């Protein structure tokens, strides 16, 4: 999958470079058609000052698009990480569940509502510290919560059968 992503990125970069080259040619041809009376040295001297507004606007658009794309990418990665940690927390393997809980706590996701409504059926949470966790609406049916700590844990609306 990583190779496919790299190939896609390479194609996008090639397309971007082609569009950039076309934009430069169009700008140059358009400028020259508007200023036919300038000699070779004159049009070069006037091209950049006339072109700066267009270039700066274009660069601002590119930068804004890149920042938005990066933010969306980061959000997707965070959602994916949360989902993976919730799956791991619901594991019948106690060590895996414990690692997930520690990671969720470290990231602040144990208390912020990330787990609300999660399905942790038959999770092996034996001896795991869930103090202060927000587990409202969580399905913990068949889960082992023995020997763990649930001090100030929100279990409102959860299934503990």
Protein backbone atom coordinates (compact mmCIF):
# COMPACT_ATOMS: atom_id res chain seq x y z
CA UNK A 1 0.00 0.00 0.00
CA UNK A 2 2.88 2.37 0.74
CA UNK A 3 4.24 1.79 -2.76
CA UNK A 4 0.87 2.67 -4.28
CA UNK A 5 0.82 5.87 -2.22
CA UNK A 6 4.32 6.78 -3.40
CA UNK A 7 3.38 6.13 -7.03
CA UNK A 8 0.27 8.29 -6.65
CA UNK A 9 2.32 11.07 -5.06
CA UNK A 10 4.85 10.89 -7.92
CA UNK A 11 2.03 11.15 -10.49
CA UNK A 12 0.53 14.12 -8.66
CA UNK A 13 3.94 15.82 -8.59
CA UNK A 14 4.40 15.25 -12.33
CA UNK A 15 0.96 16.65 -13.08
CA UNK A 16 1.73 19.64 -10.85
CA UNK A 17 4.98 20.33 -12.68
CA UNK A 18 3.26 20.09 -16.07
CA UNK A 19 0.53 22.51 -14.94
CA UNK A 20 3.21 24.86 -13.59
CA UNK A 21 5.07 24.78 -16.92
CA UNK A 22 1.86 25.40 -18.87
CA UNK A 23 1.00 28.31 -16.55
CA UNK A 24 4.44 29.86 -17.11
CA UNK A 25 4.17 29.52 -20.90
CA UNK A 26 0.63 30.96 -20.93
CA UNK A 27 1.74 33.87 -18.74
CA UNK A 28 4.75 34.60 -20.94
CA UNK A 29 2.82 34.33 -24.22
CA UNK A 30 0.00 36.43 -22.81
CA UNK A 31 2.37 39.09 -21.57
CA UNK A 32 4.26 39.23 -24.85
CA UNK A 33 1.01 39.54 -26.81
CA UNK A 34 0.00 42.51 -24.64
CA UNK A 35 3.39 44.25 -24.93
CA UNK A 36 4.51 43.66 -28.52
CA UNK A 37 6.26 47.00 -28.81
CA UNK A 38 8.88 46.20 -26.14
CA UNK A 39 12.31 45.04 -27.24
CA UNK A 40 13.92 41.90 -25.76
CA UNK A 41 15.46 43.58 -22.69
CA UNK A 42 12.42 45.79 -22.07
CA UNK A 43 9.82 43.07 -21.73
CA UNK A 44 11.95 41.09 -19.28
CA UNK A 45 12.32 44.19 -17.12
CA UNK A 46 8.54 44.78 -17.09
CA UNK A 47 7.42 41.15 -16.91
CA UNK A 48 8.25 40.47 -13.27
CA UNK A 49 6.75 43.66 -11.84
CA UNK A 50 3.54 43.08 -13.82
CA UNK A 51 3.43 39.39 -12.94
CA UNK A 52 4.11 39.58 -9.17
CA UNK A 53 0.45 39.98 -8.13
CA UNK A 54 -0.61 36.90 -10.05
CA UNK A 55 2.30 34.85 -8.75
CA UNK A 56 1.76 35.90 -5.14
CA UNK A 57 -1.96 35.10 -5.34
CA UNK A 58 -1.24 31.72 -6.88
CA UNK A 59 1.36 30.89 -4.25
CA UNK A 60 -1.04 31.92 -1.48
CA UNK A 61 -3.67 29.58 -2.95
CA UNK A 62 -1.18 26.73 -3.17
CA UNK A 63 -0.01 27.30 0.41
CA UNK A 64 -3.59 27.43 1.71
CA UNK A 65 -4.50 24.25 -0.14
CA UNK A 66 -1.40 22.48 1.20
CA UNK A 67 -2.18 23.54 4.77
CA UNK A 68 -5.79 22.40 4.49
CA UNK A 69 -4.74 19.07 2.96
CA UNK A 70 -2.16 18.55 5.72
CA UNK A 71 -4.72 19.32 8.44
CA UNK A 72 -7.21 16.87 6.93
CA UNK A 73 -4.48 14.24 6.62
CA UNK A 74 -3.53 14.69 10.29
CA UNK A 75 -7.18 14.42 11.38
CA UNK A 76 -7.58 11.22 9.38
CA UNK A 77 -4.44 9.78 10.96
CA UNK A 78 -5.68 10.66 14.46
CA UNK A 79 -9.08 9.07 13.78
CA UNK A 80 -7.35 5.96 12.45
CA UNK A 81 -5.09 5.79 15.52
CA UNK A 82 -8.09 6.20 17.85
CA UNK A 83 -9.96 3.43 16.04
CA UNK A 84 -6.97 1.09 16.23
CA UNK A 85 -6.49 1.79 19.94
CA UNK A 86 -10.18 1.15 20.64
CA UNK A 87 -9.93 -2.19 18.79
CA UNK A 88 -6.78 -3.04 20.73
CA UNK A 89 -8.43 -2.05 24.04
CA UNK A 90 -11.24 -4.48 23.26
CA UNK A 91 -8.79 -7.30 22.78
CA UNK A 92 -9.04 -10.56 24.73
CA UNK A 93 -5.25 -10.22 25.18
CA UNK A 94 -4.72 -8.36 28.46
CA UNK A 95 -1.28 -7.02 27.51
CA UNK A 96 -2.59 -5.52 24.28
CA UNK A 97 -5.57 -3.98 26.05
CA UNK A 98 -3.28 -2.52 28.71
CA UNK A 99 -0.96 -0.97 26.11
CA UNK A 100 -3.95 0.59 24.36
CA UNK A 101 -5.30 2.05 27.60
CA UNK A 102 -1.89 3.53 28.45
CA UNK A 103 -1.64 5.09 24.98
CA UNK A 104 -5.20 6.43 25.18
CA UNK A 105 -4.42 7.95 28.60
CA UNK A 106 -1.17 9.50 27.34
CA UNK A 107 -2.96 11.16 24.41
CA UNK A 108 -5.82 12.37 26.67
CA UNK A 109 -8.32 10.21 24.81
CA UNK A 110 -9.34 8.13 27.81
CA UNK A 111 -11.22 11.09 29.32
CA UNK A 112 -12.24 13.23 26.33
CA UNK A 113 -15.14 11.11 25.05
CA UNK A 114 -13.21 9.22 22.39
CA UNK A 115 -14.43 5.93 23.87
CA UNK A 116 -18.09 6.94 24.22
CA UNK A 117 -20.26 4.28 22.64
CA UNK A 118 -17.33 1.99 21.83
CA UNK A 119 -17.82 -1.76 21.54
CA UNK A 120 -15.49 -3.50 23.99
CA UNK A 121 -17.35 -6.80 24.19
CA UNK A 122 -15.30 -9.52 25.93
CA UNK A 123 -12.35 -7.17 26.48
CA UNK A 124 -9.73 -8.42 28.90
CA UNK A 125 -9.28 -5.34 31.08
CA UNK A 126 -8.31 -7.35 34.16
CA UNK A 127 -6.12 -5.28 36.51
CA UNK A 128 -6.10 -2.26 34.17
CA UNK A 129 -6.38 1.23 35.62
CA UNK A 130 -9.39 2.96 34.06
CA UNK A 131 -9.57 5.76 36.65
CA UNK A 132 -11.30 8.84 35.30
CA UNK A 133 -12.11 7.26 31.95
CA UNK A 134 -15.21 8.37 30.08
CA UNK A 135 -16.83 5.07 29.15
CA UNK A 136 -20.35 6.38 28.79
CA UNK A 137 -22.42 4.22 26.49
CA UNK A 138 -19.60 1.67 26.10
CA UNK A 139 -20.60 -1.95 25.57
CA UNK A 140 -18.50 -3.94 28.04
CA UNK A 141 -20.66 -7.08 28.05
CA UNK A 142 -18.62 -10.16 28.83
CA UNK A 143 -15.55 -8.05 29.63
CA UNK A 144 -13.25 -8.79 32.55
CA UNK A 145 -12.90 -5.66 34.70
CA UNK A 146 -11.76 -7.48 37.83
CA UNK A 147 -8.81 -6.27 39.87
CA UNK A 148 -8.79 -3.02 37.92
CA UNK A 149 -9.50 0.49 39.11
CA UNK A 150 -12.66 2.28 38.04
CA UNK A 151 -12.37 5.28 40.39
CA UNK A 152 -14.32 8.25 38.93
CA UNK A 153 -14.92 6.34 35.70
CA UNK A 154 -18.06 7.40 33.81
CA UNK A 155 -20.00 4.25 32.98
CA UNK A 156 -23.35 6.00 32.44
CA UNK A 157 -25.44 4.23 29.80
CA UNK A 158 -22.89 1.47 29.36
CA UNK A 159 -23.60 -2.24 29.09
CA UNK A 160 -21.84 -4.16 31.89
CA UNK A 161 -23.58 -7.55 31.60
